[in-house]
Amino acid sequence: MLEVAVKAADSKRAEDIIGLDVQKVSLLADYFVICSGNSDRQVSAIVEAIVEEETKNGAQIKRVEGKDSGKWVLIDLGDIVVHVFHHSEREFYNLEKLWSDAPLVNLSSLVDA
């Protein structure tokens, strides 16, 4: 699921895709994926790609929140929570700092350089 989400986001040119291993610091999920887009339209395209690819690969989409605003969309895949931000919202909420106790997951092999 993690690989599918990251590759789908990357296919829509999501920026600054990071993965956080939150297994030891949160009961919410095992992994967070955080990425951003430069417009509401791009954020929507990223979300649609992730939902479509995860569904194709048999993942259950538990819920999608914030889709109407296009500023911060959360995709709950159960063990993985994907946060797709509009660039300005990502800076404001700064989840990377909030979850700084969680180690980064190396995603370099999953995204185009």
PDB file of N, CA and C in Angstrom:
ATOM      1  N   MET A   1       0.817  -1.202   0.000  1.00  0.00           N
ATOM      2  CA  MET A   1       0.000   0.000   0.000  1.00  0.00           C
ATOM      3  C   MET A   1       0.858   1.262   0.000  1.00  0.00           C
ATOM      4  N   LEU A   2       1.940   1.229   0.773  1.00  0.00           N
ATOM      5  CA  LEU A   2       2.823   2.387   0.837  1.00  0.00           C
ATOM      6  C   LEU A   2       3.412   2.677  -0.537  1.00  0.00           C
ATOM      7  N   GLU A   3       3.926   1.656  -1.191  1.00  0.00           N
ATOM      8  CA  GLU A   3       4.519   1.827  -2.517  1.00  0.00           C
ATOM      9  C   GLU A   3       3.494   2.337  -3.528  1.00  0.00           C
ATOM     10  N   VAL A   4       2.306   1.795  -3.499  1.00  0.00           N
ATOM     11  CA  VAL A   4       1.248   2.204  -4.430  1.00  0.00           C
ATOM     12  C   VAL A   4       0.904   3.678  -4.219  1.00  0.00           C
ATOM     13  N   ALA A   5       0.740   4.086  -2.981  1.00  0.00           N
ATOM     14  CA  ALA A   5       0.392   5.484  -2.680  1.00  0.00           C
ATOM     15  C   ALA A   5       1.484   6.440  -3.138  1.00  0.00           C
ATOM     16  N   VAL A   6       2.722   6.101  -2.849  1.00  0.00           N
ATOM     17  CA  VAL A   6       3.843   6.978  -3.211  1.00  0.00           C
ATOM     18  C   VAL A   6       3.978   7.077  -4.733  1.00  0.00           C
ATOM     19  N   LYS A   7       3.902   5.957  -5.411  1.00  0.00           N
ATOM     20  CA  LYS A   7       4.026   5.980  -6.874  1.00  0.00           C
ATOM     21  C   LYS A   7       2.863   6.724  -7.529  1.00  0.00           C
ATOM     22  N   ALA A   8       1.654   6.570  -6.999  1.00  0.00           N
ATOM     23  CA  ALA A   8       0.498   7.289  -7.548  1.00  0.00           C
ATOM     24  C   ALA A   8       0.655   8.787  -7.353  1.00  0.00           C
ATOM     25  N   ALA A   9       1.101   9.200  -6.177  1.00  0.00           N
ATOM     26  CA  ALA A   9       1.326  10.627  -5.918  1.00  0.00           C
ATOM     27  C   ALA A   9       2.415  11.171  -6.845  1.00  0.00           C
ATOM     28  N   ASP A  10       3.475  10.410  -6.979  1.00  0.00           N
ATOM     29  CA  ASP A  10       4.581  10.832  -7.849  1.00  0.00           C
ATOM     30  C   ASP A  10       4.136  10.943  -9.308  1.00  0.00           C
ATOM     31  N   SER A  11       3.215  10.089  -9.722  1.00  0.00           N
ATOM     32  CA  SER A  11       2.743  10.113 -11.112  1.00  0.00           C
ATOM     33  C   SER A  11       2.003  11.409 -11.440  1.00  0.00           C
ATOM     34  N   LYS A  12       1.515  12.098 -10.410  1.00  0.00           N
ATOM     35  CA  LYS A  12       0.823  13.380 -10.605  1.00  0.00           C
ATOM     36  C   LYS A  12       1.706  14.549 -10.164  1.00  0.00           C
ATOM     37  N   ARG A  13       2.997  14.274 -10.109  1.00  0.00           N
ATOM     38  CA  ARG A  13       4.005  15.285  -9.791  1.00  0.00           C
ATOM     39  C   ARG A  13       3.841  15.928  -8.403  1.00  0.00           C
ATOM     40  N   ALA A  14       3.428  15.110  -7.442  1.00  0.00           N
ATOM     41  CA  ALA A  14       3.371  15.581  -6.058  1.00  0.00           C
ATOM     42  C   ALA A  14       4.782  15.988  -5.637  1.00  0.00           C
ATOM     43  N   GLU A  15       4.866  16.998  -4.802  1.00  0.00           N
ATOM     44  CA  GLU A  15       6.169  17.507  -4.377  1.00  0.00           C
ATOM     45  C   GLU A  15       6.492  17.070  -2.956  1.00  0.00           C
ATOM     46  N   ASP A  16       7.774  16.961  -2.699  1.00  0.00           N
ATOM     47  CA  ASP A  16       8.287  16.665  -1.355  1.00  0.00           C
ATOM     48  C   ASP A  16       7.550  15.507  -0.694  1.00  0.00           C
ATOM     49  N   ILE A  17       7.522  14.379  -1.372  1.00  0.00           N
ATOM     50  CA  ILE A  17       6.851  13.200  -0.824  1.00  0.00           C
ATOM     51  C   ILE A  17       7.741  12.598   0.260  1.00  0.00           C
ATOM     52  N   ILE A  18       7.191  12.493   1.458  1.00  0.00           N
ATOM     53  CA  ILE A  18       7.950  11.856   2.539  1.00  0.00           C
ATOM     54  C   ILE A  18       7.092  10.788   3.186  1.00  0.00           C
ATOM     55  N   GLY A  19       7.746   9.828   3.778  1.00  0.00           N
ATOM     56  CA  GLY A  19       7.081   8.784   4.548  1.00  0.00           C
ATOM     57  C   GLY A  19       7.605   8.817   5.969  1.00  0.00           C
ATOM     58  N   LEU A  20       6.706   8.699   6.923  1.00  0.00           N
ATOM     59  CA  LEU A  20       7.083   8.649   8.335  1.00  0.00           C
ATOM     60  C   LEU A  20       6.623   7.322   8.917  1.00  0.00           C
ATOM     61  N   ASP A  21       7.513   6.647   9.608  1.00  0.00           N
ATOM     62  CA  ASP A  21       7.181   5.405  10.298  1.00  0.00           C
ATOM     63  C   ASP A  21       6.684   5.791  11.694  1.00  0.00           C
ATOM     64  N   VAL A  22       5.366   5.813  11.867  1.00  0.00           N
ATOM     65  CA  VAL A  22       4.775   6.285  13.120  1.00  0.00           C
ATOM     66  C   VAL A  22       4.331   5.139  14.036  1.00  0.00           C
ATOM     67  N   GLN A  23       4.783   3.928  13.745  1.00  0.00           N
ATOM     68  CA  GLN A  23       4.355   2.755  14.515  1.00  0.00           C
ATOM     69  C   GLN A  23       4.624   2.888  16.005  1.00  0.00           C
ATOM     70  N   LYS A  24       5.739   3.510  16.360  1.00  0.00           N
ATOM     71  CA  LYS A  24       6.125   3.595  17.772  1.00  0.00           C
ATOM     72  C   LYS A  24       5.680   4.887  18.446  1.00  0.00           C
ATOM     73  N   VAL A  25       5.098   5.812  17.671  1.00  0.00           N
ATOM     74  CA  VAL A  25       4.707   7.099  18.257  1.00  0.00           C
ATOM     75  C   VAL A  25       3.221   7.413  18.091  1.00  0.00           C
ATOM     76  N   SER A  26       2.479   6.533  17.434  1.00  0.00           N
ATOM     77  CA  SER A  26       1.058   6.800  17.209  1.00  0.00           C
ATOM     78  C   SER A  26       0.270   5.495  17.136  1.00  0.00           C
ATOM     79  N   LEU A  27      -0.949   5.546  17.614  1.00  0.00           N
ATOM     80  CA  LEU A  27      -1.856   4.414  17.488  1.00  0.00           C
ATOM     81  C   LEU A  27      -2.727   4.554  16.244  1.00  0.00           C
ATOM     82  N   LEU A  28      -2.613   5.684  15.541  1.00  0.00           N
ATOM     83  CA  LEU A  28      -3.466   5.973  14.388  1.00  0.00           C
ATOM     84  C   LEU A  28      -3.144   5.128  13.176  1.00  0.00           C
ATOM     85  N   ALA A  29      -1.870   4.893  12.939  1.00  0.00           N
ATOM     86  CA  ALA A  29      -1.441   4.198  11.720  1.00  0.00           C
ATOM     87  C   ALA A  29      -0.008   3.723  11.903  1.00  0.00           C
ATOM     88  N   ASP A  30       0.453   2.946  10.931  1.00  0.00           N
ATOM     89  CA  ASP A  30       1.856   2.521  10.921  1.00  0.00           C
ATOM     90  C   ASP A  30       2.728   3.531  10.168  1.00  0.00           C
ATOM     91  N   TYR A  31       2.137   4.100   9.104  1.00  0.00           N
ATOM     92  CA  TYR A  31       2.891   5.042   8.276  1.00  0.00           C
ATOM     93  C   TYR A  31       2.039   6.243   7.910  1.00  0.00           C
ATOM     94  N   PHE A  32       2.691   7.391   7.835  1.00  0.00           N
ATOM     95  CA  PHE A  32       2.099   8.588   7.248  1.00  0.00           C
ATOM     96  C   PHE A  32       2.858   8.869   5.967  1.00  0.00           C
ATOM     97  N   VAL A  33       2.144   9.210   4.929  1.00  0.00           N
ATOM     98  CA  VAL A  33       2.750   9.737   3.709  1.00  0.00           C
ATOM     99  C   VAL A  33       2.283  11.176   3.617  1.00  0.00           C
ATOM    100  N   ILE A  34       3.231  12.080   3.399  1.00  0.00           N
ATOM    101  CA  ILE A  34       2.914  13.507   3.296  1.00  0.00           C
ATOM    102  C   ILE A  34       3.460  14.009   1.972  1.00  0.00           C
ATOM    103  N   CYS A  35       2.622  14.726   1.226  1.00  0.00           N
ATOM    104  CA  CYS A  35       3.061  15.306  -0.035  1.00  0.00           C
ATOM    105  C   CYS A  35       2.257  16.568  -0.297  1.00  0.00           C
ATOM    106  N   SER A  36       2.648  17.308  -1.326  1.00  0.00           N
ATOM    107  CA  SER A  36       1.923  18.540  -1.611  1.00  0.00           C
ATOM    108  C   SER A  36       1.832  18.795  -3.102  1.00  0.00           C
ATOM    109  N   GLY A  37       0.846  19.637  -3.426  1.00  0.00           N
ATOM    110  CA  GLY A  37       0.637  20.098  -4.788  1.00  0.00           C
ATOM    111  C   GLY A  37       0.600  21.617  -4.796  1.00  0.00           C
ATOM    112  N   ASN A  38       0.716  22.204  -5.973  1.00  0.00           N
ATOM    113  CA  ASN A  38       0.791  23.656  -6.072  1.00  0.00           C
ATOM    114  C   ASN A  38      -0.549  24.331  -6.341  1.00  0.00           C
ATOM    115  N   SER A  39      -1.591  23.544  -6.542  1.00  0.00           N
ATOM    116  CA  SER A  39      -2.910  24.126  -6.803  1.00  0.00           C
ATOM    117  C   SER A  39      -3.982  23.166  -6.300  1.00  0.00           C
ATOM    118  N   ASP A  40      -5.197  23.687  -6.143  1.00  0.00           N
ATOM    119  CA  ASP A  40      -6.309  22.827  -5.724  1.00  0.00           C
ATOM    120  C   ASP A  40      -6.512  21.704  -6.733  1.00  0.00           C
ATOM    121  N   ARG A  41      -6.355  22.049  -7.992  1.00  0.00           N
ATOM    122  CA  ARG A  41      -6.535  21.063  -9.066  1.00  0.00           C
ATOM    123  C   ARG A  41      -5.499  19.938  -8.970  1.00  0.00           C
ATOM    124  N   GLN A  42      -4.244  20.302  -8.702  1.00  0.00           N
ATOM    125  CA  GLN A  42      -3.206  19.284  -8.581  1.00  0.00           C
ATOM    126  C   GLN A  42      -3.437  18.416  -7.342  1.00  0.00           C
ATOM    127  N   VAL A  43      -3.834  19.039  -6.235  1.00  0.00           N
ATOM    128  CA  VAL A  43      -4.133  18.272  -5.024  1.00  0.00           C
ATOM    129  C   VAL A  43      -5.226  17.247  -5.322  1.00  0.00           C
ATOM    130  N   SER A  44      -6.276  17.677  -6.017  1.00  0.00           N
ATOM    131  CA  SER A  44      -7.366  16.768  -6.377  1.00  0.00           C
ATOM    132  C   SER A  44      -6.878  15.636  -7.276  1.00  0.00           C
ATOM    133  N   ALA A  45      -6.021  15.948  -8.239  1.00  0.00           N
ATOM    134  CA  ALA A  45      -5.487  14.932  -9.144  1.00  0.00           C
ATOM    135  C   ALA A  45      -4.648  13.909  -8.383  1.00  0.00           C
ATOM    136  N   ILE A  46      -3.859  14.364  -7.437  1.00  0.00           N
ATOM    137  CA  ILE A  46      -3.030  13.468  -6.623  1.00  0.00           C
ATOM    138  C   ILE A  46      -3.930  12.529  -5.815  1.00  0.00           C
ATOM    139  N   VAL A  47      -4.943  13.105  -5.174  1.00  0.00           N
ATOM    140  CA  VAL A  47      -5.869  12.307  -4.366  1.00  0.00           C
ATOM    141  C   VAL A  47      -6.575  11.266  -5.231  1.00  0.00           C
ATOM    142  N   GLU A  48      -7.085  11.683  -6.375  1.00  0.00           N
ATOM    143  CA  GLU A  48      -7.784  10.753  -7.270  1.00  0.00           C
ATOM    144  C   GLU A  48      -6.876   9.615  -7.714  1.00  0.00           C
ATOM    145  N   ALA A  49      -5.625   9.938  -8.042  1.00  0.00           N
ATOM    146  CA  ALA A  49      -4.675   8.906  -8.477  1.00  0.00           C
ATOM    147  C   ALA A  49      -4.407   7.899  -7.368  1.00  0.00           C
ATOM    148  N   ILE A  50      -4.226   8.384  -6.148  1.00  0.00           N
ATOM    149  CA  ILE A  50      -3.951   7.487  -5.023  1.00  0.00           C
ATOM    150  C   ILE A  50      -5.158   6.581  -4.765  1.00  0.00           C
ATOM    151  N   VAL A  51      -6.353   7.161  -4.700  1.00  0.00           N
ATOM    152  CA  VAL A  51      -7.560   6.380  -4.441  1.00  0.00           C
ATOM    153  C   VAL A  51      -7.768   5.335  -5.545  1.00  0.00           C
ATOM    154  N   GLU A  52      -7.593   5.755  -6.788  1.00  0.00           N
ATOM    155  CA  GLU A  52      -7.780   4.832  -7.914  1.00  0.00           C
ATOM    156  C   GLU A  52      -6.793   3.673  -7.873  1.00  0.00           C
ATOM    157  N   GLU A  53      -5.517   3.977  -7.679  1.00  0.00           N
ATOM    158  CA  GLU A  53      -4.491   2.923  -7.681  1.00  0.00           C
ATOM    159  C   GLU A  53      -4.622   2.002  -6.467  1.00  0.00           C
ATOM    160  N   GLU A  54      -4.930   2.564  -5.315  1.00  0.00           N
ATOM    161  CA  GLU A  54      -5.105   1.723  -4.124  1.00  0.00           C
ATOM    162  C   GLU A  54      -6.307   0.785  -4.308  1.00  0.00           C
ATOM    163  N   THR A  55      -7.388   1.301  -4.873  1.00  0.00           N
ATOM    164  CA  THR A  55      -8.579   0.482  -5.117  1.00  0.00           C
ATOM    165  C   THR A  55      -8.263  -0.637  -6.108  1.00  0.00           C
ATOM    166  N   LYS A  56      -7.540  -0.296  -7.186  1.00  0.00           N
ATOM    167  CA  LYS A  56      -7.133  -1.307  -8.175  1.00  0.00           C
ATOM    168  C   LYS A  56      -6.315  -2.420  -7.538  1.00  0.00           C
ATOM    169  N   ASN A  57      -5.525  -2.061  -6.533  1.00  0.00           N
ATOM    170  CA  ASN A  57      -4.636  -3.025  -5.886  1.00  0.00           C
ATOM    171  C   ASN A  57      -5.268  -3.681  -4.658  1.00  0.00           C
ATOM    172  N   GLY A  58      -6.577  -3.501  -4.499  1.00  0.00           N
ATOM    173  CA  GLY A  58      -7.294  -4.212  -3.447  1.00  0.00           C
ATOM    174  C   GLY A  58      -7.299  -3.571  -2.076  1.00  0.00           C
ATOM    175  N   ALA A  59      -6.767  -2.382  -1.946  1.00  0.00           N
ATOM    176  CA  ALA A  59      -6.775  -1.711  -0.642  1.00  0.00           C
ATOM    177  C   ALA A  59      -8.168  -1.156  -0.366  1.00  0.00           C
ATOM    178  N   GLN A  60      -8.515  -1.147   0.900  1.00  0.00           N
ATOM    179  CA  GLN A  60      -9.794  -0.582   1.298  1.00  0.00           C
ATOM    180  C   GLN A  60      -9.574   0.881   1.706  1.00  0.00           C
ATOM    181  N   ILE A  61     -10.296   1.775   1.043  1.00  0.00           N
ATOM    182  CA  ILE A  61     -10.229   3.193   1.402  1.00  0.00           C
ATOM    183  C   ILE A  61     -11.226   3.397   2.530  1.00  0.00           C
ATOM    184  N   LYS A  62     -10.732   3.616   3.730  1.00  0.00           N
ATOM    185  CA  LYS A  62     -11.631   3.761   4.882  1.00  0.00           C
ATOM    186  C   LYS A  62     -12.388   5.079   4.825  1.00  0.00           C
ATOM    187  N   ARG A  63     -11.678   6.154   4.478  1.00  0.00           N
ATOM    188  CA  ARG A  63     -12.349   7.447   4.291  1.00  0.00           C
ATOM    189  C   ARG A  63     -11.392   8.428   3.632  1.00  0.00           C
ATOM    190  N   VAL A  64     -11.992   9.441   3.017  1.00  0.00           N
ATOM    191  CA  VAL A  64     -11.250  10.554   2.432  1.00  0.00           C
ATOM    192  C   VAL A  64     -11.878  11.822   3.004  1.00  0.00           C
ATOM    193  N   GLU A  65     -11.074  12.637   3.648  1.00  0.00           N
ATOM    194  CA  GLU A  65     -11.584  13.857   4.272  1.00  0.00           C
ATOM    195  C   GLU A  65     -10.903  15.080   3.682  1.00  0.00           C
ATOM    196  N   GLY A  66     -11.673  16.156   3.526  1.00  0.00           N
ATOM    197  CA  GLY A  66     -11.118  17.422   3.055  1.00  0.00           C
ATOM    198  C   GLY A  66     -11.081  17.566   1.552  1.00  0.00           C
ATOM    199  N   LYS A  67     -11.655  16.626   0.849  1.00  0.00           N
ATOM    200  CA  LYS A  67     -11.583  16.627  -0.617  1.00  0.00           C
ATOM    201  C   LYS A  67     -12.222  17.873  -1.230  1.00  0.00           C
ATOM    202  N   ASP A  68     -13.290  18.370  -0.620  1.00  0.00           N
ATOM    203  CA  ASP A  68     -13.988  19.535  -1.165  1.00  0.00           C
ATOM    204  C   ASP A  68     -13.163  20.820  -1.087  1.00  0.00           C
ATOM    205  N   SER A  69     -12.334  20.939  -0.056  1.00  0.00           N
ATOM    206  CA  SER A  69     -11.563  22.175   0.104  1.00  0.00           C
ATOM    207  C   SER A  69     -10.325  22.215  -0.791  1.00  0.00           C
ATOM    208  N   GLY A  70      -9.725  21.061  -1.041  1.00  0.00           N
ATOM    209  CA  GLY A  70      -8.530  21.018  -1.876  1.00  0.00           C
ATOM    210  C   GLY A  70      -7.291  21.603  -1.221  1.00  0.00           C
ATOM    211  N   LYS A  71      -7.343  21.820   0.079  1.00  0.00           N
ATOM    212  CA  LYS A  71      -6.199  22.416   0.795  1.00  0.00           C
ATOM    213  C   LYS A  71      -5.416  21.378   1.594  1.00  0.00           C
ATOM    214  N   TRP A  72      -6.151  20.470   2.224  1.00  0.00           N
ATOM    215  CA  TRP A  72      -5.532  19.379   2.980  1.00  0.00           C
ATOM    216  C   TRP A  72      -6.491  18.198   2.895  1.00  0.00           C
ATOM    217  N   VAL A  73      -6.077  17.169   2.182  1.00  0.00           N
ATOM    218  CA  VAL A  73      -6.915  15.989   2.021  1.00  0.00           C
ATOM    219  C   VAL A  73      -6.234  14.827   2.729  1.00  0.00           C
ATOM    220  N   LEU A  74      -7.010  14.123   3.532  1.00  0.00           N
ATOM    221  CA  LEU A  74      -6.506  12.968   4.263  1.00  0.00           C
ATOM    222  C   LEU A  74      -7.147  11.722   3.676  1.00  0.00           C
ATOM    223  N   ILE A  75      -6.311  10.759   3.314  1.00  0.00           N
ATOM    224  CA  ILE A  75      -6.786   9.479   2.792  1.00  0.00           C
ATOM    225  C   ILE A  75      -6.414   8.411   3.821  1.00  0.00           C
ATOM    226  N   ASP A  76      -7.438   7.806   4.422  1.00  0.00           N
ATOM    227  CA  ASP A  76      -7.220   6.792   5.447  1.00  0.00           C
ATOM    228  C   ASP A  76      -7.275   5.415   4.802  1.00  0.00           C
ATOM    229  N   LEU A  77      -6.124   4.756   4.780  1.00  0.00           N
ATOM    230  CA  LEU A  77      -6.021   3.402   4.227  1.00  0.00           C
ATOM    231  C   LEU A  77      -5.881   2.365   5.330  1.00  0.00           C
ATOM    232  N   GLY A  78      -6.152   2.769   6.558  1.00  0.00           N
ATOM    233  CA  GLY A  78      -5.992   1.853   7.685  1.00  0.00           C
ATOM    234  C   GLY A  78      -4.603   1.962   8.275  1.00  0.00           C
ATOM    235  N   ASP A  79      -3.692   1.116   7.820  1.00  0.00           N
ATOM    236  CA  ASP A  79      -2.324   1.142   8.336  1.00  0.00           C
ATOM    237  C   ASP A  79      -1.518   2.329   7.811  1.00  0.00           C
ATOM    238  N   ILE A  80      -2.023   2.950   6.768  1.00  0.00           N
ATOM    239  CA  ILE A  80      -1.338   4.102   6.159  1.00  0.00           C
ATOM    240  C   ILE A  80      -2.320   5.256   6.061  1.00  0.00           C
ATOM    241  N   VAL A  81      -1.864   6.434   6.454  1.00  0.00           N
ATOM    242  CA  VAL A  81      -2.654   7.651   6.285  1.00  0.00           C
ATOM    243  C   VAL A  81      -1.859   8.573   5.366  1.00  0.00           C
ATOM    244  N   VAL A  82      -2.500   8.982   4.278  1.00  0.00           N
ATOM    245  CA  VAL A  82      -1.854   9.856   3.305  1.00  0.00           C
ATOM    246  C   VAL A  82      -2.407  11.264   3.482  1.00  0.00           C
ATOM    247  N   HIS A  83      -1.497  12.229   3.620  1.00  0.00           N
ATOM    248  CA  HIS A  83      -1.865  13.635   3.742  1.00  0.00           C
ATOM    249  C   HIS A  83      -1.416  14.334   2.457  1.00  0.00           C
ATOM    250  N   VAL A  84      -2.380  14.892   1.716  1.00  0.00           N
ATOM    251  CA  VAL A  84      -2.052  15.627   0.497  1.00  0.00           C
ATOM    252  C   VAL A  84      -2.407  17.085   0.757  1.00  0.00           C
ATOM    253  N   PHE A  85      -1.398  17.927   0.759  1.00  0.00           N
ATOM    254  CA  PHE A  85      -1.566  19.334   1.093  1.00  0.00           C
ATOM    255  C   PHE A  85      -1.420  20.233  -0.124  1.00  0.00           C
ATOM    256  N   HIS A  86      -2.123  21.350  -0.084  1.00  0.00           N
ATOM    257  CA  HIS A  86      -1.765  22.486  -0.941  1.00  0.00           C
ATOM    258  C   HIS A  86      -0.486  23.021  -0.311  1.00  0.00           C
ATOM    259  N   HIS A  87       0.452  23.476  -1.124  1.00  0.00           N
ATOM    260  CA  HIS A  87       1.779  23.868  -0.635  1.00  0.00           C
ATOM    261  C   HIS A  87       1.717  24.790   0.592  1.00  0.00           C
ATOM    262  N   SER A  88       0.887  25.829   0.543  1.00  0.00           N
ATOM    263  CA  SER A  88       0.831  26.796   1.651  1.00  0.00           C
ATOM    264  C   SER A  88       0.293  26.163   2.936  1.00  0.00           C
ATOM    265  N   GLU A  89      -0.651  25.243   2.804  1.00  0.00           N
ATOM    266  CA  GLU A  89      -1.205  24.573   3.980  1.00  0.00           C
ATOM    267  C   GLU A  89      -0.171  23.655   4.631  1.00  0.00           C
ATOM    268  N   ARG A  90       0.642  23.028   3.818  1.00  0.00           N
ATOM    269  CA  ARG A  90       1.665  22.126   4.364  1.00  0.00           C
ATOM    270  C   ARG A  90       2.642  22.913   5.230  1.00  0.00           C
ATOM    271  N   GLU A  91       3.037  24.065   4.772  1.00  0.00           N
ATOM    272  CA  GLU A  91       3.941  24.898   5.568  1.00  0.00           C
ATOM    273  C   GLU A  91       3.285  25.310   6.881  1.00  0.00           C
ATOM    274  N   PHE A  92       2.004  25.650   6.822  1.00  0.00           N
ATOM    275  CA  PHE A  92       1.297  26.113   8.013  1.00  0.00           C
ATOM    276  C   PHE A  92       1.180  25.001   9.062  1.00  0.00           C
ATOM    277  N   TYR A  93       0.736  23.819   8.651  1.00  0.00           N
ATOM    278  CA  TYR A  93       0.512  22.730   9.602  1.00  0.00           C
ATOM    279  C   TYR A  93       1.785  21.991   9.991  1.00  0.00           C
ATOM    280  N   ASN A  94       2.760  21.936   9.112  1.00  0.00           N
ATOM    281  CA  ASN A  94       4.085  21.393   9.407  1.00  0.00           C
ATOM    282  C   ASN A  94       4.032  20.051  10.157  1.00  0.00           C
ATOM    283  N   LEU A  95       3.349  19.073   9.560  1.00  0.00           N
ATOM    284  CA  LEU A  95       3.236  17.759  10.199  1.00  0.00           C
ATOM    285  C   LEU A  95       4.591  17.094  10.419  1.00  0.00           C
ATOM    286  N   GLU A  96       5.534  17.391   9.540  1.00  0.00           N
ATOM    287  CA  GLU A  96       6.864  16.803   9.692  1.00  0.00           C
ATOM    288  C   GLU A  96       7.463  17.170  11.045  1.00  0.00           C
ATOM    289  N   LYS A  97       7.243  18.400  11.475  1.00  0.00           N
ATOM    290  CA  LYS A  97       7.767  18.836  12.775  1.00  0.00           C
ATOM    291  C   LYS A  97       6.935  18.231  13.907  1.00  0.00           C
ATOM    292  N   LEU A  98       5.611  18.205  13.719  1.00  0.00           N
ATOM    293  CA  LEU A  98       4.722  17.656  14.742  1.00  0.00           C
ATOM    294  C   LEU A  98       5.051  16.196  15.036  1.00  0.00           C
ATOM    295  N   TRP A  99       5.390  15.428  13.994  1.00  0.00           N
ATOM    296  CA  TRP A  99       5.709  14.018  14.128  1.00  0.00           C
ATOM    297  C   TRP A  99       7.213  13.773  13.988  1.00  0.00           C
ATOM    298  N   SER A 100       8.017  14.704  14.468  1.00  0.00           N
ATOM    299  CA  SER A 100       9.472  14.615  14.294  1.00  0.00           C
ATOM    300  C   SER A 100      10.097  13.428  15.032  1.00  0.00           C
ATOM    301  N   ASP A 101       9.390  12.839  15.977  1.00  0.00           N
ATOM    302  CA  ASP A 101       9.898  11.648  16.671  1.00  0.00           C
ATOM    303  C   ASP A 101       9.842  10.403  15.789  1.00  0.00           C
ATOM    304  N   ALA A 102       9.071  10.479  14.716  1.00  0.00           N
ATOM    305  CA  ALA A 102       8.921   9.329  13.817  1.00  0.00           C
ATOM    306  C   ALA A 102      10.050   9.311  12.794  1.00  0.00           C
ATOM    307  N   PRO A 103      10.695   8.165  12.624  1.00  0.00           N
ATOM    308  CA  PRO A 103      11.776   8.089  11.619  1.00  0.00           C
ATOM    309  C   PRO A 103      11.240   8.184  10.195  1.00  0.00           C
ATOM    310  N   LEU A 104      12.041   8.777   9.331  1.00  0.00           N
ATOM    311  CA  LEU A 104      11.694   8.873   7.908  1.00  0.00           C
ATOM    312  C   LEU A 104      11.831   7.516   7.251  1.00  0.00           C
ATOM    313  N   VAL A 105      10.974   7.255   6.275  1.00  0.00           N
ATOM    314  CA  VAL A 105      11.054   6.043   5.472  1.00  0.00           C
ATOM    315  C   VAL A 105      11.738   6.429   4.165  1.00  0.00           C
ATOM    316  N   ASN A 106      12.721   5.660   3.756  1.00  0.00           N
ATOM    317  CA  ASN A 106      13.433   5.956   2.506  1.00  0.00           C
ATOM    318  C   ASN A 106      12.524   5.618   1.322  1.00  0.00           C
ATOM    319  N   LEU A 107      12.094   6.654   0.612  1.00  0.00           N
ATOM    320  CA  LEU A 107      11.200   6.471  -0.524  1.00  0.00           C
ATOM    321  C   LEU A 107      11.904   6.714  -1.859  1.00  0.00           C
ATOM    322  N   SER A 108      13.200   6.924  -1.823  1.00  0.00           N
ATOM    323  CA  SER A 108      13.937   7.324  -3.034  1.00  0.00           C
ATOM    324  C   SER A 108      13.783   6.318  -4.176  1.00  0.00           C
ATOM    325  N   SER A 109      13.652   5.046  -3.863  1.00  0.00           N
ATOM    326  CA  SER A 109      13.508   4.043  -4.941  1.00  0.00           C
ATOM    327  C   SER A 109      12.093   4.035  -5.540  1.00  0.00           C
ATOM    328  N   LEU A 110      11.156   4.747  -4.905  1.00  0.00           N
ATOM    329  CA  LEU A 110       9.769   4.736  -5.354  1.00  0.00           C
ATOM    330  C   LEU A 110       9.376   5.958  -6.180  1.00  0.00           C
ATOM    331  N   VAL A 111      10.223   6.988  -6.160  1.00  0.00           N
ATOM    332  CA  VAL A 111       9.888   8.220  -6.875  1.00  0.00           C
ATOM    333  C   VAL A 111      10.902   8.485  -7.962  1.00  0.00           C
ATOM    334  N   ASP A 112      10.435   9.156  -9.021  1.00  0.00           N
ATOM    335  CA  ASP A 112      11.339   9.560 -10.098  1.00  0.00           C
ATOM    336  C   ASP A 112      12.202  10.702  -9.608  1.00  0.00           C
ATOM    337  N   ALA A 113      13.464  10.633  -9.918  1.00  0.00           N
ATOM    338  CA  ALA A 113      14.395  11.669  -9.471  1.00  0.00           C
ATOM    339  C   ALA A 113      14.200  12.958 -10.217  1.00  0.00           C
TER     340      ALA A 113
END
